[in-house]
Amino acid sequence: MHFQNPFVIFIFITIVYQLSRGVLEFTPWNVFPFIPDVDRIITREDKAGTYAAVMTFFRKSTGALATWVAGILLQQIGYVAGPATQQPEQVKDAIAIIFFFGPVIMIVIALIVALRFKLNKQTHTILKNEIHRLEAGGSKADVTPEAREVAEALTGHPYESLWPEKDTDAKV
């Protein structure tokens, strides 16, 4: 197939790629700040820094893993490294398939996971309100049915086990 104006096709592919990459990177970083609050209602501790470190580690590790897998795939399809090397036509086609469908498949998986994720703006607001109520000395017995349901759905624990009593005998 030959296009009259490959620059237009290049611009189109670039726009689609950048939008997709934006979704791929925006999704976890948009949800990430909410996750320490789920842990907070379970443990009563603020571990946002730990979660930031883990998220950064996984972001860097998955980038390295993707590069390694791409290298293995290139080797398997017969890519010949070196300057000004002519590649066989099947290698060029395989590269296009790998570097198009690989990211598309990963983006679809990320969107499916994101859509199934129970932590969103609405549930986070309910959870934060419950944490604020408990921090202000509110009784766990006064929890609203909605707050109980959201807290249990997000944590996977019964509400009674959440927000444990402070250990008053602990030595500082």
N, C-alpha and C. Protein backbone atom coordinates (compact mmCIF):
# COMPACT_ATOMS: atom_id res chain seq x y z
N MET A 1 0.85 -1.18 0.00
CA MET A 1 0.00 0.00 0.00
C MET A 1 0.90 1.24 0.00
N HIS A 2 0.59 2.19 -0.85
CA HIS A 2 1.39 3.41 -0.95
C HIS A 2 0.49 4.63 -0.72
N PHE A 3 0.89 5.49 0.20
CA PHE A 3 0.12 6.70 0.49
C PHE A 3 0.73 7.88 -0.26
N GLN A 4 -0.14 8.76 -0.74
CA GLN A 4 0.31 9.93 -1.46
C GLN A 4 1.05 10.91 -0.54
N ASN A 5 0.56 11.02 0.70
CA ASN A 5 1.16 11.97 1.63
C ASN A 5 1.46 11.25 2.95
N PRO A 6 2.62 10.62 3.06
CA PRO A 6 2.94 9.88 4.28
C PRO A 6 3.02 10.76 5.52
N PHE A 7 3.28 12.06 5.34
CA PHE A 7 3.37 12.97 6.47
C PHE A 7 2.03 13.07 7.21
N VAL A 8 0.92 13.08 6.46
CA VAL A 8 -0.41 13.13 7.08
C VAL A 8 -0.65 11.87 7.90
N ILE A 9 -0.27 10.72 7.36
CA ILE A 9 -0.41 9.45 8.09
C ILE A 9 0.46 9.49 9.36
N PHE A 10 1.66 10.01 9.22
CA PHE A 10 2.56 10.13 10.37
C PHE A 10 1.95 11.01 11.45
N ILE A 11 1.37 12.12 11.07
CA ILE A 11 0.73 13.03 12.04
C ILE A 11 -0.44 12.32 12.72
N PHE A 12 -1.26 11.60 11.96
CA PHE A 12 -2.39 10.87 12.52
C PHE A 12 -1.91 9.83 13.53
N ILE A 13 -0.91 9.05 13.16
CA ILE A 13 -0.38 8.02 14.06
C ILE A 13 0.20 8.67 15.31
N THR A 14 0.88 9.77 15.16
CA THR A 14 1.47 10.48 16.30
C THR A 14 0.39 10.96 17.27
N ILE A 15 -0.70 11.50 16.73
CA ILE A 15 -1.80 11.98 17.58
C ILE A 15 -2.44 10.83 18.34
N VAL A 16 -2.72 9.74 17.65
CA VAL A 16 -3.33 8.57 18.29
C VAL A 16 -2.38 8.02 19.35
N TYR A 17 -1.10 7.94 19.03
CA TYR A 17 -0.11 7.42 19.98
C TYR A 17 -0.05 8.29 21.23
N GLN A 18 0.04 9.60 21.05
CA GLN A 18 0.16 10.49 22.21
C GLN A 18 -1.11 10.47 23.07
N LEU A 19 -2.28 10.42 22.44
CA LEU A 19 -3.52 10.33 23.22
C LEU A 19 -3.57 9.02 24.00
N SER A 20 -3.19 7.94 23.36
CA SER A 20 -3.20 6.64 24.02
C SER A 20 -2.19 6.60 25.16
N ARG A 21 -1.03 7.14 24.91
CA ARG A 21 -0.02 7.18 25.97
C ARG A 21 -0.48 8.03 27.14
N GLY A 22 -1.18 9.13 26.83
CA GLY A 22 -1.73 9.97 27.89
C GLY A 22 -2.70 9.20 28.76
N VAL A 23 -3.58 8.41 28.12
CA VAL A 23 -4.53 7.59 28.87
C VAL A 23 -3.78 6.55 29.70
N LEU A 24 -2.81 5.92 29.08
CA LEU A 24 -2.06 4.86 29.75
C LEU A 24 -1.31 5.39 30.97
N GLU A 25 -0.75 6.58 30.87
CA GLU A 25 0.00 7.13 32.00
C GLU A 25 -0.89 7.88 32.97
N PHE A 26 -1.95 8.49 32.48
CA PHE A 26 -2.83 9.28 33.34
C PHE A 26 -3.63 8.39 34.29
N THR A 27 -4.07 7.24 33.81
CA THR A 27 -4.95 6.38 34.60
C THR A 27 -4.32 5.99 35.94
N PRO A 28 -3.13 5.37 35.97
CA PRO A 28 -2.59 5.01 37.29
C PRO A 28 -2.22 6.21 38.14
N TRP A 29 -1.69 7.27 37.52
CA TRP A 29 -1.27 8.42 38.31
C TRP A 29 -2.46 9.22 38.81
N ASN A 30 -3.62 9.06 38.18
CA ASN A 30 -4.83 9.73 38.64
C ASN A 30 -5.41 9.01 39.85
N VAL A 31 -5.34 7.69 39.85
CA VAL A 31 -5.91 6.89 40.93
C VAL A 31 -4.92 6.74 42.10
N PHE A 32 -3.64 6.78 41.80
CA PHE A 32 -2.61 6.53 42.80
C PHE A 32 -2.77 7.32 44.10
N PRO A 33 -3.03 8.64 44.06
CA PRO A 33 -3.12 9.38 45.32
C PRO A 33 -4.25 8.92 46.25
N PHE A 34 -5.23 8.20 45.72
CA PHE A 34 -6.35 7.73 46.53
C PHE A 34 -6.00 6.46 47.33
N ILE A 35 -5.05 5.67 46.83
CA ILE A 35 -4.76 4.36 47.41
C ILE A 35 -4.28 4.43 48.87
N PRO A 36 -3.40 5.36 49.24
CA PRO A 36 -2.98 5.42 50.65
C PRO A 36 -4.14 5.64 51.62
N ASP A 37 -5.22 6.27 51.16
CA ASP A 37 -6.38 6.47 52.05
C ASP A 37 -7.08 5.15 52.34
N VAL A 38 -7.07 4.24 51.37
CA VAL A 38 -7.65 2.92 51.62
C VAL A 38 -6.83 2.21 52.68
N ASP A 39 -5.51 2.30 52.56
CA ASP A 39 -4.65 1.71 53.59
C ASP A 39 -4.85 2.41 54.93
N ARG A 40 -5.07 3.70 54.90
CA ARG A 40 -5.21 4.48 56.14
C ARG A 40 -6.39 4.01 56.97
N ILE A 41 -7.51 3.70 56.32
CA ILE A 41 -8.67 3.27 57.12
C ILE A 41 -8.46 1.85 57.65
N ILE A 42 -7.58 1.10 57.02
CA ILE A 42 -7.27 -0.25 57.51
C ILE A 42 -6.30 -0.19 58.68
N THR A 43 -5.26 0.62 58.55
CA THR A 43 -4.17 0.60 59.53
C THR A 43 -4.13 1.81 60.45
N ARG A 44 -4.82 2.88 60.06
CA ARG A 44 -4.83 4.14 60.80
C ARG A 44 -3.48 4.86 60.68
N GLU A 45 -2.64 4.43 59.73
CA GLU A 45 -1.32 5.02 59.53
C GLU A 45 -1.28 5.70 58.17
N ASP A 46 -0.48 6.76 58.06
CA ASP A 46 -0.31 7.47 56.80
C ASP A 46 0.97 6.99 56.15
N LYS A 47 0.84 6.17 55.09
CA LYS A 47 2.01 5.60 54.43
C LYS A 47 2.09 6.04 52.97
N ALA A 48 1.72 7.30 52.69
CA ALA A 48 1.72 7.80 51.32
C ALA A 48 3.12 7.71 50.69
N GLY A 49 4.15 7.98 51.46
CA GLY A 49 5.52 7.92 50.94
C GLY A 49 5.90 6.52 50.49
N THR A 50 5.48 5.53 51.23
CA THR A 50 5.76 4.14 50.87
C THR A 50 5.08 3.80 49.55
N TYR A 51 3.83 4.21 49.41
CA TYR A 51 3.10 3.95 48.17
C TYR A 51 3.73 4.68 46.99
N ALA A 52 4.22 5.90 47.20
CA ALA A 52 4.89 6.65 46.12
C ALA A 52 6.15 5.91 45.69
N ALA A 53 6.90 5.39 46.63
CA ALA A 53 8.12 4.65 46.30
C ALA A 53 7.81 3.38 45.51
N VAL A 54 6.79 2.66 45.93
CA VAL A 54 6.41 1.43 45.23
C VAL A 54 5.93 1.74 43.82
N MET A 55 5.12 2.78 43.67
CA MET A 55 4.62 3.15 42.35
C MET A 55 5.77 3.54 41.43
N THR A 56 6.73 4.30 41.92
CA THR A 56 7.88 4.70 41.12
C THR A 56 8.72 3.48 40.74
N PHE A 57 8.91 2.58 41.68
CA PHE A 57 9.66 1.35 41.40
C PHE A 57 8.99 0.55 40.29
N PHE A 58 7.68 0.35 40.37
CA PHE A 58 6.98 -0.42 39.34
C PHE A 58 6.98 0.30 38.00
N ARG A 59 6.87 1.62 38.00
CA ARG A 59 6.88 2.36 36.74
C ARG A 59 8.23 2.17 36.05
N LYS A 60 9.31 2.29 36.80
CA LYS A 60 10.63 2.13 36.21
C LYS A 60 10.90 0.67 35.83
N SER A 61 10.46 -0.25 36.66
CA SER A 61 10.68 -1.67 36.38
C SER A 61 9.92 -2.14 35.15
N THR A 62 8.68 -1.71 35.01
CA THR A 62 7.91 -2.13 33.84
C THR A 62 8.46 -1.51 32.56
N GLY A 63 9.01 -0.30 32.64
CA GLY A 63 9.66 0.29 31.47
C GLY A 63 10.87 -0.52 31.05
N ALA A 64 11.66 -0.93 32.04
CA ALA A 64 12.84 -1.75 31.76
C ALA A 64 12.42 -3.12 31.21
N LEU A 65 11.39 -3.70 31.79
CA LEU A 65 10.90 -5.00 31.32
C LEU A 65 10.40 -4.91 29.88
N ALA A 66 9.68 -3.86 29.56
CA ALA A 66 9.18 -3.68 28.20
C ALA A 66 10.33 -3.56 27.20
N THR A 67 11.37 -2.84 27.57
CA THR A 67 12.54 -2.70 26.70
C THR A 67 13.22 -4.05 26.49
N TRP A 68 13.35 -4.81 27.55
CA TRP A 68 13.97 -6.13 27.47
C TRP A 68 13.16 -7.06 26.57
N VAL A 69 11.83 -7.08 26.76
CA VAL A 69 10.96 -7.93 25.94
C VAL A 69 11.02 -7.50 24.48
N ALA A 70 11.03 -6.20 24.22
CA ALA A 70 11.13 -5.71 22.84
C ALA A 70 12.43 -6.19 22.20
N GLY A 71 13.52 -6.15 22.96
CA GLY A 71 14.80 -6.64 22.44
C GLY A 71 14.75 -8.12 22.10
N ILE A 72 14.14 -8.91 22.97
CA ILE A 72 14.01 -10.35 22.71
C ILE A 72 13.15 -10.58 21.47
N LEU A 73 12.05 -9.87 21.36
CA LEU A 73 11.18 -10.04 20.19
C LEU A 73 11.90 -9.65 18.90
N LEU A 74 12.65 -8.57 18.95
CA LEU A 74 13.41 -8.16 17.77
C LEU A 74 14.42 -9.24 17.37
N GLN A 75 15.07 -9.82 18.35
CA GLN A 75 16.03 -10.89 18.08
C GLN A 75 15.33 -12.11 17.47
N GLN A 76 14.15 -12.45 17.98
CA GLN A 76 13.42 -13.62 17.51
C GLN A 76 12.92 -13.46 16.07
N ILE A 77 12.63 -12.24 15.66
CA ILE A 77 12.11 -12.05 14.29
C ILE A 77 13.23 -11.88 13.27
N GLY A 78 14.48 -11.88 13.74
CA GLY A 78 15.61 -11.83 12.83
C GLY A 78 16.15 -10.44 12.56
N TYR A 79 15.87 -9.49 13.43
CA TYR A 79 16.39 -8.14 13.27
C TYR A 79 17.92 -8.17 13.35
N VAL A 80 18.54 -7.44 12.42
CA VAL A 80 19.99 -7.36 12.39
C VAL A 80 20.39 -5.96 12.84
N ALA A 81 21.12 -5.87 13.95
CA ALA A 81 21.53 -4.57 14.48
C ALA A 81 22.74 -4.06 13.71
N GLY A 82 22.89 -2.76 13.71
CA GLY A 82 24.05 -2.15 13.08
C GLY A 82 23.63 -0.98 12.21
N PRO A 83 24.57 -0.11 11.92
CA PRO A 83 24.25 1.07 11.10
C PRO A 83 24.00 0.70 9.64
N ALA A 84 23.01 1.35 9.08
CA ALA A 84 22.67 1.23 7.65
C ALA A 84 22.45 -0.21 7.21
N THR A 85 21.91 -1.02 8.10
CA THR A 85 21.63 -2.41 7.76
C THR A 85 20.28 -2.50 7.08
N GLN A 86 20.24 -3.21 5.98
CA GLN A 86 18.96 -3.45 5.31
C GLN A 86 18.28 -4.64 5.98
N GLN A 87 17.05 -4.44 6.35
CA GLN A 87 16.29 -5.51 7.01
C GLN A 87 15.42 -6.21 5.97
N PRO A 88 15.25 -7.52 6.12
CA PRO A 88 14.31 -8.22 5.24
C PRO A 88 12.90 -7.66 5.43
N GLU A 89 12.07 -7.73 4.41
CA GLU A 89 10.72 -7.16 4.45
C GLU A 89 9.89 -7.75 5.60
N GLN A 90 10.02 -9.08 5.85
CA GLN A 90 9.23 -9.69 6.93
C GLN A 90 9.64 -9.14 8.30
N VAL A 91 10.90 -8.73 8.46
CA VAL A 91 11.35 -8.14 9.72
C VAL A 91 10.70 -6.77 9.89
N LYS A 92 10.65 -6.00 8.82
CA LYS A 92 10.01 -4.68 8.89
C LYS A 92 8.54 -4.81 9.26
N ASP A 93 7.86 -5.78 8.64
CA ASP A 93 6.44 -6.00 8.96
C ASP A 93 6.26 -6.45 10.40
N ALA A 94 7.13 -7.35 10.87
CA ALA A 94 7.04 -7.85 12.25
C ALA A 94 7.28 -6.71 13.25
N ILE A 95 8.23 -5.82 12.94
CA ILE A 95 8.48 -4.68 13.82
C ILE A 95 7.24 -3.80 13.92
N ALA A 96 6.63 -3.54 12.79
CA ALA A 96 5.41 -2.71 12.79
C ALA A 96 4.31 -3.36 13.61
N ILE A 97 4.16 -4.66 13.46
CA ILE A 97 3.12 -5.38 14.21
C ILE A 97 3.42 -5.34 15.71
N ILE A 98 4.66 -5.66 16.09
CA ILE A 98 5.04 -5.68 17.51
C ILE A 98 4.84 -4.32 18.16
N PHE A 99 5.33 -3.28 17.50
CA PHE A 99 5.31 -1.96 18.11
C PHE A 99 3.98 -1.22 17.92
N PHE A 100 3.06 -1.82 17.19
CA PHE A 100 1.70 -1.27 17.14
C PHE A 100 0.78 -2.05 18.05
N PHE A 101 0.70 -3.36 17.83
CA PHE A 101 -0.25 -4.17 18.60
C PHE A 101 0.15 -4.37 20.05
N GLY A 102 1.44 -4.40 20.34
CA GLY A 102 1.87 -4.52 21.74
C GLY A 102 1.31 -3.41 22.60
N PRO A 103 1.57 -2.15 22.26
CA PRO A 103 1.00 -1.06 23.06
C PRO A 103 -0.52 -1.02 23.04
N VAL A 104 -1.13 -1.35 21.90
CA VAL A 104 -2.60 -1.34 21.84
C VAL A 104 -3.16 -2.37 22.81
N ILE A 105 -2.59 -3.55 22.83
CA ILE A 105 -3.06 -4.59 23.75
C ILE A 105 -2.88 -4.15 25.20
N MET A 106 -1.74 -3.55 25.53
CA MET A 106 -1.50 -3.09 26.90
C MET A 106 -2.45 -1.95 27.29
N ILE A 107 -2.76 -1.07 26.36
CA ILE A 107 -3.69 0.02 26.64
C ILE A 107 -5.08 -0.52 26.90
N VAL A 108 -5.52 -1.51 26.12
CA VAL A 108 -6.83 -2.12 26.32
C VAL A 108 -6.89 -2.80 27.69
N ILE A 109 -5.83 -3.52 28.05
CA ILE A 109 -5.79 -4.17 29.37
C ILE A 109 -5.86 -3.12 30.47
N ALA A 110 -5.10 -2.03 30.33
CA ALA A 110 -5.12 -0.96 31.34
C ALA A 110 -6.51 -0.35 31.47
N LEU A 111 -7.19 -0.14 30.36
CA LEU A 111 -8.54 0.44 30.42
C LEU A 111 -9.53 -0.52 31.06
N ILE A 112 -9.43 -1.81 30.76
CA ILE A 112 -10.33 -2.80 31.37
C ILE A 112 -10.12 -2.82 32.89
N VAL A 113 -8.87 -2.84 33.32
CA VAL A 113 -8.58 -2.83 34.75
C VAL A 113 -9.09 -1.54 35.38
N ALA A 114 -8.86 -0.42 34.73
CA ALA A 114 -9.29 0.88 35.27
C ALA A 114 -10.81 0.95 35.39
N LEU A 115 -11.52 0.42 34.43
CA LEU A 115 -12.98 0.47 34.47
C LEU A 115 -13.55 -0.45 35.56
N ARG A 116 -12.83 -1.47 35.92
CA ARG A 116 -13.29 -2.41 36.96
C ARG A 116 -12.84 -1.98 38.36
N PHE A 117 -11.98 -0.99 38.43
CA PHE A 117 -11.44 -0.52 39.69
C PHE A 117 -12.54 0.16 40.49
N LYS A 118 -12.71 -0.21 41.74
CA LYS A 118 -13.78 0.33 42.58
C LYS A 118 -13.45 1.69 43.17
N LEU A 119 -12.17 2.05 43.17
CA LEU A 119 -11.75 3.32 43.75
C LEU A 119 -11.84 4.41 42.69
N ASN A 120 -12.77 5.33 42.88
CA ASN A 120 -12.96 6.44 41.96
C ASN A 120 -13.23 7.70 42.78
N LYS A 121 -13.51 8.79 42.10
CA LYS A 121 -13.70 10.06 42.81
C LYS A 121 -14.84 9.98 43.83
N GLN A 122 -15.94 9.36 43.45
CA GLN A 122 -17.10 9.28 44.34
C GLN A 122 -16.81 8.41 45.56
N THR A 123 -16.27 7.21 45.34
CA THR A 123 -16.00 6.32 46.48
C THR A 123 -14.87 6.89 47.35
N HIS A 124 -13.92 7.57 46.72
CA HIS A 124 -12.84 8.18 47.51
C HIS A 124 -13.38 9.28 48.41
N THR A 125 -14.31 10.08 47.90
CA THR A 125 -14.90 11.15 48.71
C THR A 125 -15.63 10.56 49.92
N ILE A 126 -16.37 9.49 49.72
CA ILE A 126 -17.07 8.83 50.83
C ILE A 126 -16.07 8.30 51.84
N LEU A 127 -15.01 7.66 51.34
CA LEU A 127 -13.98 7.11 52.23
C LEU A 127 -13.29 8.22 53.02
N LYS A 128 -12.90 9.30 52.34
CA LYS A 128 -12.23 10.42 53.03
C LYS A 128 -13.13 11.03 54.10
N ASN A 129 -14.43 11.19 53.79
CA ASN A 129 -15.36 11.74 54.78
C ASN A 129 -15.43 10.84 56.01
N GLU A 130 -15.41 9.53 55.78
CA GLU A 130 -15.45 8.60 56.90
C GLU A 130 -14.16 8.68 57.72
N ILE A 131 -13.03 8.78 57.05
CA ILE A 131 -11.75 8.92 57.77
C ILE A 131 -11.76 10.21 58.60
N HIS A 132 -12.20 11.31 58.01
CA HIS A 132 -12.26 12.59 58.74
C HIS A 132 -13.20 12.48 59.95
N ARG A 133 -14.33 11.79 59.77
CA ARG A 133 -15.28 11.62 60.87
C ARG A 133 -14.64 10.83 62.00
N LEU A 134 -13.93 9.75 61.65
CA LEU A 134 -13.28 8.93 62.67
C LEU A 134 -12.12 9.67 63.33
N GLU A 135 -11.35 10.45 62.55
CA GLU A 135 -10.25 11.23 63.11
C GLU A 135 -10.76 12.26 64.12
N ALA A 136 -11.95 12.77 63.87
CA ALA A 136 -12.54 13.78 64.76
C ALA A 136 -13.14 13.15 66.01
N GLY A 137 -12.98 11.85 66.17
CA GLY A 137 -13.48 11.17 67.37
C GLY A 137 -14.83 10.51 67.18
N GLY A 138 -15.31 10.46 65.94
CA GLY A 138 -16.59 9.80 65.67
C GLY A 138 -16.54 8.32 66.01
N SER A 139 -17.70 7.81 66.38
CA SER A 139 -17.80 6.40 66.76
C SER A 139 -18.00 5.53 65.51
N LYS A 140 -17.34 4.37 65.52
CA LYS A 140 -17.54 3.43 64.42
C LYS A 140 -18.99 2.93 64.38
N ALA A 141 -19.66 2.97 65.51
CA ALA A 141 -21.06 2.53 65.57
C ALA A 141 -21.99 3.47 64.80
N ASP A 142 -21.55 4.69 64.56
CA ASP A 142 -22.39 5.68 63.86
C ASP A 142 -22.14 5.74 62.36
N VAL A 143 -21.47 4.75 61.81
CA VAL A 143 -21.16 4.75 60.38
C VAL A 143 -22.46 4.68 59.56
N THR A 144 -22.48 5.39 58.45
CA THR A 144 -23.65 5.33 57.56
C THR A 144 -23.55 4.04 56.75
N PRO A 145 -24.69 3.52 56.30
CA PRO A 145 -24.66 2.30 55.48
C PRO A 145 -23.81 2.49 54.21
N GLU A 146 -23.88 3.67 53.62
CA GLU A 146 -23.10 3.93 52.40
C GLU A 146 -21.60 3.91 52.70
N ALA A 147 -21.17 4.55 53.77
CA ALA A 147 -19.76 4.57 54.14
C ALA A 147 -19.27 3.17 54.48
N ARG A 148 -20.08 2.40 55.18
CA ARG A 148 -19.73 1.02 55.51
C ARG A 148 -19.53 0.19 54.24
N GLU A 149 -20.49 0.31 53.32
CA GLU A 149 -20.43 -0.46 52.08
C GLU A 149 -19.19 -0.09 51.26
N VAL A 150 -18.92 1.20 51.13
CA VAL A 150 -17.76 1.65 50.35
C VAL A 150 -16.46 1.20 51.02
N ALA A 151 -16.34 1.39 52.32
CA ALA A 151 -15.13 0.99 53.04
C ALA A 151 -14.87 -0.51 52.91
N GLU A 152 -15.91 -1.30 53.04
CA GLU A 152 -15.75 -2.75 52.91
C GLU A 152 -15.41 -3.16 51.48
N ALA A 153 -16.03 -2.50 50.50
CA ALA A 153 -15.75 -2.83 49.09
C ALA A 153 -14.32 -2.47 48.71
N LEU A 154 -13.84 -1.33 49.20
CA LEU A 154 -12.49 -0.89 48.85
C LEU A 154 -11.40 -1.65 49.58
N THR A 155 -11.66 -2.03 50.82
CA THR A 155 -10.62 -2.68 51.62
C THR A 155 -10.68 -4.20 51.56
N GLY A 156 -11.86 -4.74 51.33
CA GLY A 156 -12.01 -6.20 51.37
C GLY A 156 -12.08 -6.74 52.79
N HIS A 157 -12.26 -5.86 53.77
CA HIS A 157 -12.32 -6.24 55.18
C HIS A 157 -13.67 -5.82 55.76
N PRO A 158 -14.16 -6.54 56.77
CA PRO A 158 -15.38 -6.08 57.43
C PRO A 158 -15.13 -4.74 58.13
N TYR A 159 -16.13 -3.90 58.16
CA TYR A 159 -15.98 -2.55 58.71
C TYR A 159 -15.48 -2.59 60.15
N GLU A 160 -15.93 -3.57 60.91
CA GLU A 160 -15.55 -3.64 62.33
C GLU A 160 -14.04 -3.77 62.52
N SER A 161 -13.34 -4.34 61.53
CA SER A 161 -11.88 -4.51 61.66
C SER A 161 -11.11 -3.28 61.18
N LEU A 162 -11.81 -2.32 60.60
CA LEU A 162 -11.16 -1.11 60.09
C LEU A 162 -10.95 -0.09 61.20
N TRP A 163 -10.07 0.85 60.96
CA TRP A 163 -9.75 1.94 61.90
C TRP A 163 -9.53 1.36 63.30
N PRO A 164 -8.46 0.57 63.46
CA PRO A 164 -8.23 -0.09 64.75
C PRO A 164 -8.01 0.94 65.87
N GLU A 165 -8.34 0.52 67.06
CA GLU A 165 -8.15 1.39 68.23
C GLU A 165 -6.66 1.68 68.37
N LYS A 166 -6.33 2.88 68.81
CA LYS A 166 -4.93 3.23 69.05
C LYS A 166 -4.43 2.44 70.25
N ASP A 167 -3.18 2.01 70.13
CA ASP A 167 -2.55 1.31 71.24
C ASP A 167 -2.05 2.35 72.24
N THR A 168 -2.83 2.56 73.30
CA THR A 168 -2.48 3.59 74.29
C THR A 168 -1.32 3.18 75.17
N ASP A 169 -1.02 1.87 75.20
CA ASP A 169 0.08 1.41 76.05
C ASP A 169 1.42 1.45 75.30
N ALA A 170 1.40 1.82 74.02
CA ALA A 170 2.64 1.81 73.23
C ALA A 170 3.61 2.86 73.76
N LYS A 171 4.85 2.49 73.77
CA LYS A 171 5.91 3.40 74.22
C LYS A 171 6.35 4.24 73.03
N VAL A 172 6.57 5.52 73.27
CA VAL A 172 7.00 6.41 72.20
C VAL A 172 8.48 6.58 72.23
